[in-house]
Amino acid sequence: MHIDLHKAQEEPEIAHLYNTYAQGMLTYVQMQVTSQEDAEDIVVEVFLAALENSRFKTLPEKAKQLWLWRVAHNKIVDTYRRSKFRKNVAIEQVADSLFEDEIHSPEYAALRQEDYIALHAHLQNLPALQQEILRLRFGQELSCREIANTLGKQENAVRVTLSRSLNLLRGIYHRKREE
């Protein structure tokens, strides 16, 4: 294998160290941690630490090598310490609950608020008797029999009016969703 000495001199020292030690370090770190992503992150963090350390540049090459491996070891230890407090869970295990959490998102709340405003506007456009039956049924949680007694109507008439009102609102809601 031929090495271009001129190009090797132009290559930044940290890149040279990365090319020399990163693969072996990654293999070592992979044997110590459970996740491939964590192993890759640790190796990147080691070399970032070297870039951020002002004294690192002044060390001889052997001392740099030892420093890199010591930092890798310390980062692995840190990962173990964090894992005691923070549990990692595979995404497959929580995929179902991700959609449940969507219900609590601000976007969902905003859409729900828009639906409530539209529903209120449509309710205001219903005849007074339909509004009253809906209010008593869903606001007061009265049965159709209780509503009929309260309004002096026949129970069957209350059921029909309630059914027609709900079907009308459902139709409006579905048309709005399709837009």
N, C-alpha and C. Protein backbone atom coordinates (compact mmCIF):
# COMPACT_ATOMS: atom_id res chain seq x y z
N MET A 1 0.85 -1.17 0.00
CA MET A 1 0.00 0.00 0.00
C MET A 1 0.89 1.23 0.00
N HIS A 2 0.62 2.13 -0.93
CA HIS A 2 1.41 3.34 -1.07
C HIS A 2 0.72 4.48 -0.33
N ILE A 3 1.47 5.20 0.50
CA ILE A 3 0.94 6.33 1.24
C ILE A 3 1.55 7.59 0.66
N ASP A 4 0.71 8.52 0.29
CA ASP A 4 1.16 9.81 -0.20
C ASP A 4 1.56 10.66 1.00
N LEU A 5 2.87 10.87 1.20
CA LEU A 5 3.37 11.58 2.37
C LEU A 5 2.90 13.03 2.38
N HIS A 6 2.83 13.65 1.22
CA HIS A 6 2.39 15.04 1.16
C HIS A 6 0.93 15.14 1.64
N LYS A 7 0.08 14.22 1.16
CA LYS A 7 -1.33 14.24 1.57
C LYS A 7 -1.46 13.91 3.04
N ALA A 8 -0.67 12.98 3.55
CA ALA A 8 -0.73 12.60 4.97
C ALA A 8 -0.36 13.79 5.85
N GLN A 9 0.57 14.65 5.40
CA GLN A 9 0.95 15.81 6.20
C GLN A 9 -0.17 16.85 6.22
N GLU A 10 -0.95 16.92 5.15
CA GLU A 10 -2.05 17.89 5.08
C GLU A 10 -3.26 17.44 5.89
N GLU A 11 -3.39 16.12 6.12
CA GLU A 11 -4.55 15.61 6.85
C GLU A 11 -4.51 16.08 8.29
N PRO A 12 -5.60 16.65 8.78
CA PRO A 12 -5.60 17.10 10.17
C PRO A 12 -5.30 15.93 11.12
N GLU A 13 -4.65 16.25 12.18
CA GLU A 13 -4.21 15.21 13.11
C GLU A 13 -5.37 14.43 13.71
N ILE A 14 -6.46 15.11 14.03
CA ILE A 14 -7.60 14.40 14.64
C ILE A 14 -8.21 13.42 13.65
N ALA A 15 -8.21 13.78 12.35
CA ALA A 15 -8.72 12.87 11.33
C ALA A 15 -7.81 11.65 11.23
N HIS A 16 -6.52 11.88 11.33
CA HIS A 16 -5.56 10.76 11.32
C HIS A 16 -5.83 9.84 12.51
N LEU A 17 -6.02 10.42 13.69
CA LEU A 17 -6.28 9.62 14.88
C LEU A 17 -7.61 8.87 14.74
N TYR A 18 -8.60 9.54 14.18
CA TYR A 18 -9.90 8.90 13.97
C TYR A 18 -9.75 7.71 13.03
N ASN A 19 -9.08 7.94 11.91
CA ASN A 19 -8.88 6.85 10.95
C ASN A 19 -8.08 5.70 11.54
N THR A 20 -7.18 6.01 12.45
CA THR A 20 -6.33 4.98 13.05
C THR A 20 -7.05 4.20 14.14
N TYR A 21 -7.80 4.88 15.01
CA TYR A 21 -8.32 4.23 16.21
C TYR A 21 -9.84 4.03 16.27
N ALA A 22 -10.59 4.72 15.46
CA ALA A 22 -12.05 4.70 15.60
C ALA A 22 -12.65 3.30 15.42
N GLN A 23 -12.21 2.57 14.41
CA GLN A 23 -12.81 1.26 14.16
C GLN A 23 -12.56 0.30 15.32
N GLY A 24 -11.32 0.26 15.81
CA GLY A 24 -11.01 -0.60 16.96
C GLY A 24 -11.76 -0.17 18.19
N MET A 25 -11.87 1.15 18.39
CA MET A 25 -12.59 1.67 19.54
C MET A 25 -14.07 1.32 19.44
N LEU A 26 -14.64 1.44 18.24
CA LEU A 26 -16.04 1.10 18.04
C LEU A 26 -16.29 -0.36 18.37
N THR A 27 -15.42 -1.23 17.93
CA THR A 27 -15.56 -2.66 18.23
C THR A 27 -15.53 -2.89 19.74
N TYR A 28 -14.62 -2.24 20.43
CA TYR A 28 -14.52 -2.37 21.88
C TYR A 28 -15.79 -1.85 22.56
N VAL A 29 -16.25 -0.70 22.14
CA VAL A 29 -17.43 -0.09 22.76
C VAL A 29 -18.67 -0.94 22.49
N GLN A 30 -18.78 -1.50 21.29
CA GLN A 30 -19.93 -2.35 20.96
C GLN A 30 -20.02 -3.56 21.88
N MET A 31 -18.88 -4.05 22.32
CA MET A 31 -18.87 -5.20 23.24
C MET A 31 -19.31 -4.78 24.64
N GLN A 32 -19.29 -3.49 24.94
CA GLN A 32 -19.59 -3.01 26.28
C GLN A 32 -21.01 -2.48 26.45
N VAL A 33 -21.63 -2.02 25.36
CA VAL A 33 -22.97 -1.45 25.45
C VAL A 33 -23.94 -2.28 24.60
N THR A 34 -25.22 -2.11 24.86
CA THR A 34 -26.22 -2.95 24.20
C THR A 34 -26.67 -2.44 22.84
N SER A 35 -26.51 -1.17 22.58
CA SER A 35 -27.06 -0.58 21.37
C SER A 35 -25.96 -0.14 20.42
N GLN A 36 -26.13 -0.45 19.15
CA GLN A 36 -25.19 0.00 18.11
C GLN A 36 -25.14 1.52 18.06
N GLU A 37 -26.30 2.14 18.19
CA GLU A 37 -26.36 3.61 18.15
C GLU A 37 -25.60 4.22 19.32
N ASP A 38 -25.76 3.63 20.51
CA ASP A 38 -25.03 4.12 21.68
C ASP A 38 -23.52 3.99 21.48
N ALA A 39 -23.11 2.87 20.91
CA ALA A 39 -21.68 2.65 20.66
C ALA A 39 -21.14 3.71 19.70
N GLU A 40 -21.86 3.95 18.63
CA GLU A 40 -21.42 4.96 17.66
C GLU A 40 -21.38 6.34 18.30
N ASP A 41 -22.39 6.65 19.11
CA ASP A 41 -22.43 7.96 19.79
C ASP A 41 -21.23 8.12 20.72
N ILE A 42 -20.89 7.07 21.44
CA ILE A 42 -19.76 7.15 22.37
C ILE A 42 -18.47 7.44 21.63
N VAL A 43 -18.24 6.74 20.52
CA VAL A 43 -17.00 6.96 19.75
C VAL A 43 -16.95 8.40 19.24
N VAL A 44 -18.07 8.89 18.74
CA VAL A 44 -18.10 10.29 18.27
C VAL A 44 -17.81 11.24 19.43
N GLU A 45 -18.41 10.97 20.59
CA GLU A 45 -18.19 11.82 21.77
C GLU A 45 -16.72 11.83 22.18
N VAL A 46 -16.04 10.70 22.05
CA VAL A 46 -14.62 10.62 22.41
C VAL A 46 -13.81 11.57 21.54
N PHE A 47 -14.05 11.53 20.24
CA PHE A 47 -13.27 12.39 19.35
C PHE A 47 -13.70 13.86 19.44
N LEU A 48 -14.95 14.11 19.77
CA LEU A 48 -15.36 15.49 20.03
C LEU A 48 -14.67 16.03 21.28
N ALA A 49 -14.55 15.17 22.29
CA ALA A 49 -13.85 15.58 23.51
C ALA A 49 -12.40 15.92 23.20
N ALA A 50 -11.79 15.16 22.30
CA ALA A 50 -10.40 15.44 21.92
C ALA A 50 -10.31 16.79 21.22
N LEU A 51 -11.26 17.09 20.35
CA LEU A 51 -11.26 18.38 19.66
C LEU A 51 -11.45 19.54 20.63
N GLU A 52 -12.25 19.33 21.66
CA GLU A 52 -12.56 20.40 22.61
C GLU A 52 -11.48 20.58 23.68
N ASN A 53 -10.60 19.60 23.82
CA ASN A 53 -9.55 19.66 24.85
C ASN A 53 -8.35 20.42 24.29
N SER A 54 -8.06 21.56 24.86
CA SER A 54 -6.96 22.39 24.35
C SER A 54 -5.59 21.75 24.56
N ARG A 55 -5.44 20.95 25.58
CA ARG A 55 -4.13 20.30 25.84
C ARG A 55 -3.90 19.07 24.98
N PHE A 56 -4.95 18.53 24.39
CA PHE A 56 -4.83 17.29 23.62
C PHE A 56 -3.81 17.42 22.50
N LYS A 57 -3.81 18.56 21.82
CA LYS A 57 -2.90 18.77 20.68
C LYS A 57 -1.44 18.71 21.09
N THR A 58 -1.15 19.05 22.32
CA THR A 58 0.24 19.11 22.76
C THR A 58 0.78 17.76 23.22
N LEU A 59 -0.07 16.76 23.35
CA LEU A 59 0.36 15.44 23.81
C LEU A 59 1.10 14.69 22.71
N PRO A 60 2.07 13.85 23.10
CA PRO A 60 2.69 12.98 22.10
C PRO A 60 1.66 11.94 21.61
N GLU A 61 1.92 11.33 20.47
CA GLU A 61 0.93 10.42 19.85
C GLU A 61 0.54 9.28 20.79
N LYS A 62 1.47 8.67 21.48
CA LYS A 62 1.14 7.55 22.37
C LYS A 62 0.23 8.04 23.51
N ALA A 63 0.50 9.22 24.04
CA ALA A 63 -0.33 9.78 25.10
C ALA A 63 -1.74 10.10 24.56
N LYS A 64 -1.81 10.55 23.31
CA LYS A 64 -3.12 10.81 22.70
C LYS A 64 -3.92 9.52 22.58
N GLN A 65 -3.25 8.47 22.17
CA GLN A 65 -3.91 7.17 22.05
C GLN A 65 -4.45 6.72 23.41
N LEU A 66 -3.63 6.80 24.43
CA LEU A 66 -4.06 6.41 25.78
C LEU A 66 -5.21 7.30 26.26
N TRP A 67 -5.11 8.59 25.98
CA TRP A 67 -6.16 9.53 26.39
C TRP A 67 -7.48 9.16 25.72
N LEU A 68 -7.46 8.87 24.42
CA LEU A 68 -8.68 8.50 23.69
C LEU A 68 -9.32 7.25 24.30
N TRP A 69 -8.50 6.24 24.60
CA TRP A 69 -9.04 5.00 25.16
C TRP A 69 -9.57 5.21 26.58
N ARG A 70 -8.92 6.05 27.35
CA ARG A 70 -9.38 6.33 28.70
C ARG A 70 -10.72 7.07 28.65
N VAL A 71 -10.84 8.03 27.75
CA VAL A 71 -12.10 8.76 27.59
C VAL A 71 -13.20 7.80 27.13
N ALA A 72 -12.88 6.89 26.21
CA ALA A 72 -13.87 5.90 25.75
C ALA A 72 -14.36 5.06 26.93
N HIS A 73 -13.41 4.61 27.76
CA HIS A 73 -13.77 3.82 28.94
C HIS A 73 -14.68 4.64 29.87
N ASN A 74 -14.32 5.89 30.12
CA ASN A 74 -15.12 6.74 31.00
C ASN A 74 -16.52 6.98 30.44
N LYS A 75 -16.62 7.15 29.14
CA LYS A 75 -17.94 7.36 28.52
C LYS A 75 -18.80 6.11 28.63
N ILE A 76 -18.19 4.94 28.55
CA ILE A 76 -18.92 3.69 28.73
C ILE A 76 -19.45 3.61 30.17
N VAL A 77 -18.58 3.96 31.12
CA VAL A 77 -18.99 3.97 32.53
C VAL A 77 -20.15 4.94 32.73
N ASP A 78 -20.04 6.11 32.13
CA ASP A 78 -21.12 7.11 32.22
C ASP A 78 -22.43 6.55 31.66
N THR A 79 -22.33 5.82 30.56
CA THR A 79 -23.52 5.22 29.94
C THR A 79 -24.16 4.23 30.90
N TYR A 80 -23.34 3.41 31.56
CA TYR A 80 -23.88 2.47 32.55
C TYR A 80 -24.55 3.21 33.70
N ARG A 81 -23.93 4.28 34.17
CA ARG A 81 -24.52 5.04 35.27
C ARG A 81 -25.86 5.65 34.87
N ARG A 82 -25.93 6.21 33.67
CA ARG A 82 -27.18 6.80 33.20
C ARG A 82 -28.26 5.73 33.02
N SER A 83 -27.83 4.55 32.59
CA SER A 83 -28.82 3.50 32.33
C SER A 83 -29.49 3.02 33.61
N LYS A 84 -28.85 3.22 34.76
CA LYS A 84 -29.48 2.85 36.03
C LYS A 84 -30.69 3.73 36.30
N PHE A 85 -30.64 4.97 35.83
CA PHE A 85 -31.71 5.92 36.08
C PHE A 85 -32.67 6.04 34.90
N ARG A 86 -32.19 5.75 33.72
CA ARG A 86 -33.00 5.92 32.51
C ARG A 86 -33.06 4.58 31.79
N LYS A 87 -34.23 4.05 31.68
CA LYS A 87 -34.41 2.77 31.02
C LYS A 87 -34.60 2.99 29.52
N ASN A 88 -33.94 2.17 28.73
CA ASN A 88 -34.11 2.20 27.29
C ASN A 88 -35.16 1.17 26.91
N VAL A 89 -36.03 1.55 26.00
CA VAL A 89 -37.08 0.66 25.55
C VAL A 89 -37.07 0.68 24.03
N ALA A 90 -37.18 -0.48 23.43
CA ALA A 90 -37.22 -0.56 21.97
C ALA A 90 -38.49 0.10 21.46
N ILE A 91 -38.38 0.78 20.33
CA ILE A 91 -39.50 1.51 19.76
C ILE A 91 -40.67 0.58 19.46
N GLU A 92 -40.37 -0.66 19.12
CA GLU A 92 -41.43 -1.61 18.82
C GLU A 92 -42.32 -1.85 20.04
N GLN A 93 -41.75 -1.75 21.23
CA GLN A 93 -42.51 -2.00 22.44
C GLN A 93 -43.46 -0.86 22.78
N VAL A 94 -43.18 0.32 22.30
CA VAL A 94 -44.02 1.47 22.64
C VAL A 94 -44.79 2.03 21.45
N ALA A 95 -44.69 1.38 20.30
CA ALA A 95 -45.32 1.91 19.08
C ALA A 95 -46.82 2.11 19.26
N ASP A 96 -47.49 1.17 19.90
CA ASP A 96 -48.94 1.30 20.07
C ASP A 96 -49.30 2.49 20.94
N SER A 97 -48.53 2.74 21.98
CA SER A 97 -48.87 3.83 22.90
C SER A 97 -48.53 5.20 22.31
N LEU A 98 -47.71 5.26 21.26
CA LEU A 98 -47.39 6.54 20.64
C LEU A 98 -48.64 7.22 20.09
N PHE A 99 -49.53 6.41 19.52
CA PHE A 99 -50.74 6.98 18.94
C PHE A 99 -51.72 7.41 20.03
N GLU A 100 -51.70 6.72 21.18
CA GLU A 100 -52.55 7.12 22.29
C GLU A 100 -52.13 8.50 22.80
N ASP A 101 -50.81 8.76 22.82
CA ASP A 101 -50.32 10.04 23.31
C ASP A 101 -50.69 11.19 22.37
N GLU A 102 -50.99 10.86 21.12
CA GLU A 102 -51.37 11.87 20.14
C GLU A 102 -52.62 12.63 20.58
N ILE A 103 -53.49 11.95 21.32
CA ILE A 103 -54.74 12.56 21.79
C ILE A 103 -54.45 13.75 22.69
N HIS A 104 -53.30 13.75 23.37
CA HIS A 104 -52.96 14.81 24.29
C HIS A 104 -52.09 15.90 23.65
N SER A 105 -51.84 15.78 22.36
CA SER A 105 -50.97 16.74 21.69
C SER A 105 -51.70 18.07 21.48
N PRO A 106 -50.96 19.17 21.40
CA PRO A 106 -51.58 20.48 21.15
C PRO A 106 -52.34 20.53 19.83
N GLU A 107 -51.82 19.85 18.81
CA GLU A 107 -52.48 19.86 17.50
C GLU A 107 -53.85 19.21 17.60
N TYR A 108 -53.90 18.07 18.31
CA TYR A 108 -55.16 17.36 18.46
C TYR A 108 -56.15 18.21 19.26
N ALA A 109 -55.66 18.87 20.31
CA ALA A 109 -56.51 19.74 21.13
C ALA A 109 -57.08 20.89 20.28
N ALA A 110 -56.26 21.46 19.41
CA ALA A 110 -56.72 22.55 18.55
C ALA A 110 -57.80 22.06 17.58
N LEU A 111 -57.58 20.89 17.00
CA LEU A 111 -58.59 20.33 16.09
C LEU A 111 -59.89 20.03 16.83
N ARG A 112 -59.76 19.49 18.03
CA ARG A 112 -60.94 19.18 18.84
C ARG A 112 -61.70 20.48 19.17
N GLN A 113 -60.96 21.53 19.49
CA GLN A 113 -61.58 22.82 19.79
C GLN A 113 -62.34 23.36 18.57
N GLU A 114 -61.74 23.21 17.39
CA GLU A 114 -62.42 23.62 16.16
C GLU A 114 -63.72 22.84 15.97
N ASP A 115 -63.66 21.52 16.26
CA ASP A 115 -64.86 20.70 16.14
C ASP A 115 -65.94 21.15 17.12
N TYR A 116 -65.54 21.49 18.34
CA TYR A 116 -66.51 21.95 19.34
C TYR A 116 -67.17 23.27 18.90
N ILE A 117 -66.39 24.16 18.35
CA ILE A 117 -66.92 25.45 17.88
C ILE A 117 -67.92 25.21 16.75
N ALA A 118 -67.54 24.33 15.81
CA ALA A 118 -68.44 24.03 14.68
C ALA A 118 -69.71 23.36 15.18
N LEU A 119 -69.58 22.42 16.12
CA LEU A 119 -70.75 21.74 16.67
C LEU A 119 -71.69 22.75 17.35
N HIS A 120 -71.11 23.64 18.13
CA HIS A 120 -71.92 24.65 18.82
C HIS A 120 -72.68 25.52 17.81
N ALA A 121 -72.01 25.90 16.75
CA ALA A 121 -72.67 26.72 15.72
C ALA A 121 -73.82 25.96 15.08
N HIS A 122 -73.62 24.67 14.80
CA HIS A 122 -74.68 23.87 14.18
C HIS A 122 -75.83 23.64 15.16
N LEU A 123 -75.51 23.47 16.41
CA LEU A 123 -76.56 23.30 17.42
C LEU A 123 -77.45 24.55 17.51
N GLN A 124 -76.83 25.71 17.37
CA GLN A 124 -77.58 26.96 17.44
C GLN A 124 -78.55 27.10 16.27
N ASN A 125 -78.28 26.42 15.17
CA ASN A 125 -79.14 26.49 13.98
C ASN A 125 -80.30 25.51 14.03
N LEU A 126 -80.32 24.60 15.01
CA LEU A 126 -81.42 23.64 15.13
C LEU A 126 -82.65 24.34 15.72
N PRO A 127 -83.81 23.80 15.43
CA PRO A 127 -85.03 24.34 16.06
C PRO A 127 -84.94 24.20 17.59
N ALA A 128 -85.67 25.06 18.29
CA ALA A 128 -85.60 25.12 19.75
C ALA A 128 -85.92 23.78 20.41
N LEU A 129 -86.92 23.05 19.90
CA LEU A 129 -87.29 21.76 20.50
C LEU A 129 -86.12 20.77 20.39
N GLN A 130 -85.48 20.70 19.23
CA GLN A 130 -84.34 19.78 19.07
C GLN A 130 -83.20 20.18 20.01
N GLN A 131 -82.93 21.48 20.11
CA GLN A 131 -81.88 21.95 21.03
C GLN A 131 -82.19 21.52 22.46
N GLU A 132 -83.45 21.70 22.87
CA GLU A 132 -83.85 21.37 24.24
C GLU A 132 -83.72 19.86 24.50
N ILE A 133 -84.14 19.04 23.55
CA ILE A 133 -84.04 17.58 23.72
C ILE A 133 -82.57 17.15 23.82
N LEU A 134 -81.72 17.72 22.98
CA LEU A 134 -80.29 17.39 23.05
C LEU A 134 -79.68 17.84 24.37
N ARG A 135 -80.07 19.05 24.83
CA ARG A 135 -79.54 19.55 26.10
C ARG A 135 -79.96 18.66 27.27
N LEU A 136 -81.21 18.26 27.27
CA LEU A 136 -81.70 17.41 28.36
C LEU A 136 -81.08 16.00 28.31
N ARG A 137 -80.91 15.49 27.10
CA ARG A 137 -80.35 14.13 26.97
C ARG A 137 -78.87 14.10 27.32
N PHE A 138 -78.09 15.01 26.77
CA PHE A 138 -76.63 14.95 26.95
C PHE A 138 -76.11 15.89 28.03
N GLY A 139 -76.80 16.98 28.26
CA GLY A 139 -76.38 17.91 29.31
C GLY A 139 -76.86 17.49 30.68
N GLN A 140 -78.13 17.04 30.74
CA GLN A 140 -78.73 16.64 32.01
C GLN A 140 -78.73 15.12 32.19
N GLU A 141 -78.36 14.39 31.14
CA GLU A 141 -78.31 12.92 31.15
C GLU A 141 -79.66 12.29 31.50
N LEU A 142 -80.73 12.90 30.98
CA LEU A 142 -82.06 12.34 31.20
C LEU A 142 -82.37 11.29 30.14
N SER A 143 -83.19 10.32 30.50
CA SER A 143 -83.62 9.31 29.53
C SER A 143 -84.70 9.92 28.64
N CYS A 144 -85.03 9.22 27.56
CA CYS A 144 -86.08 9.71 26.66
C CYS A 144 -87.42 9.80 27.39
N ARG A 145 -87.68 8.86 28.27
CA ARG A 145 -88.94 8.89 29.05
C ARG A 145 -88.97 10.15 29.93
N GLU A 146 -87.85 10.44 30.61
CA GLU A 146 -87.79 11.62 31.49
C GLU A 146 -87.92 12.92 30.69
N ILE A 147 -87.31 12.94 29.51
CA ILE A 147 -87.42 14.12 28.64
C ILE A 147 -88.87 14.32 28.21
N ALA A 148 -89.53 13.21 27.83
CA ALA A 148 -90.93 13.29 27.40
C ALA A 148 -91.80 13.82 28.52
N ASN A 149 -91.59 13.34 29.74
CA ASN A 149 -92.37 13.82 30.89
C ASN A 149 -92.10 15.30 31.14
N THR A 150 -90.83 15.72 31.04
CA THR A 150 -90.46 17.12 31.29
C THR A 150 -91.10 18.05 30.26
N LEU A 151 -91.12 17.64 29.01
CA LEU A 151 -91.61 18.50 27.93
C LEU A 151 -93.10 18.29 27.62
N GLY A 152 -93.69 17.27 28.25
CA GLY A 152 -95.10 16.98 27.97
C GLY A 152 -95.28 16.40 26.58
N LYS A 153 -94.32 15.64 26.11
CA LYS A 153 -94.38 15.02 24.78
C LYS A 153 -94.46 13.51 24.94
N GLN A 154 -94.76 12.81 23.85
CA GLN A 154 -94.75 11.35 23.88
C GLN A 154 -93.30 10.87 23.78
N GLU A 155 -93.02 9.77 24.48
CA GLU A 155 -91.66 9.24 24.50
C GLU A 155 -91.19 8.89 23.08
N ASN A 156 -92.04 8.31 22.28
CA ASN A 156 -91.68 7.94 20.91
C ASN A 156 -91.30 9.18 20.09
N ALA A 157 -92.02 10.27 20.28
CA ALA A 157 -91.73 11.51 19.55
C ALA A 157 -90.37 12.07 19.96
N VAL A 158 -90.04 11.95 21.25
CA VAL A 158 -88.74 12.41 21.73
C VAL A 158 -87.62 11.57 21.10
N ARG A 159 -87.83 10.24 21.06
CA ARG A 159 -86.82 9.34 20.46
C ARG A 159 -86.58 9.68 18.99
N VAL A 160 -87.66 9.89 18.25
CA VAL A 160 -87.54 10.20 16.82
C VAL A 160 -86.82 11.54 16.64
N THR A 161 -87.19 12.54 17.41
CA THR A 161 -86.57 13.87 17.31
C THR A 161 -85.09 13.78 17.66
N LEU A 162 -84.77 13.05 18.71
CA LEU A 162 -83.38 12.88 19.13
C LEU A 162 -82.58 12.18 18.03
N SER A 163 -83.13 11.12 17.48
CA SER A 163 -82.45 10.37 16.41
C SER A 163 -82.21 11.24 15.18
N ARG A 164 -83.23 11.99 14.77
CA ARG A 164 -83.09 12.86 13.60
C ARG A 164 -82.05 13.96 13.85
N SER A 165 -82.05 14.52 15.05
CA SER A 165 -81.08 15.57 15.39
C SER A 165 -79.65 15.04 15.33
N LEU A 166 -79.46 13.87 15.91
CA LEU A 166 -78.11 13.27 15.91
C LEU A 166 -77.66 12.91 14.51
N ASN A 167 -78.57 12.36 13.70
CA ASN A 167 -78.22 12.02 12.32
C ASN A 167 -77.86 13.27 11.52
N LEU A 168 -78.60 14.35 11.73
CA LEU A 168 -78.30 15.61 11.06
C LEU A 168 -76.89 16.11 11.45
N LEU A 169 -76.60 16.10 12.74
CA LEU A 169 -75.28 16.55 13.21
C LEU A 169 -74.17 15.64 12.69
N ARG A 170 -74.41 14.32 12.67
CA ARG A 170 -73.41 13.38 12.12
C ARG A 170 -73.14 13.69 10.65
N GLY A 171 -74.20 13.94 9.90
CA GLY A 171 -74.04 14.26 8.48
C GLY A 171 -73.21 15.52 8.28
N ILE A 172 -73.49 16.54 9.07
CA ILE A 172 -72.72 17.79 8.99
C ILE A 172 -71.26 17.53 9.34
N TYR A 173 -71.04 16.74 10.39
CA TYR A 173 -69.67 16.44 10.84
C TYR A 173 -68.89 15.69 9.77
N HIS A 174 -69.53 14.69 9.15
CA HIS A 174 -68.83 13.90 8.12
C HIS A 174 -68.54 14.73 6.87
N ARG A 175 -69.47 15.61 6.50
CA ARG A 175 -69.22 16.48 5.35
C ARG A 175 -68.05 17.41 5.65
N LYS A 176 -67.98 17.92 6.87
CA LYS A 176 -66.89 18.81 7.26
C LYS A 176 -65.56 18.06 7.21
N ARG A 177 -65.53 16.82 7.66
CA ARG A 177 -64.30 16.01 7.66
C ARG A 177 -63.82 15.72 6.23
N GLU A 178 -64.75 15.57 5.32
CA GLU A 178 -64.38 15.26 3.94
C GLU A 178 -63.83 16.46 3.19
N GLU A 179 -64.10 17.66 3.69
CA GLU A 179 -63.63 18.88 3.01
C GLU A 179 -62.14 19.05 3.14
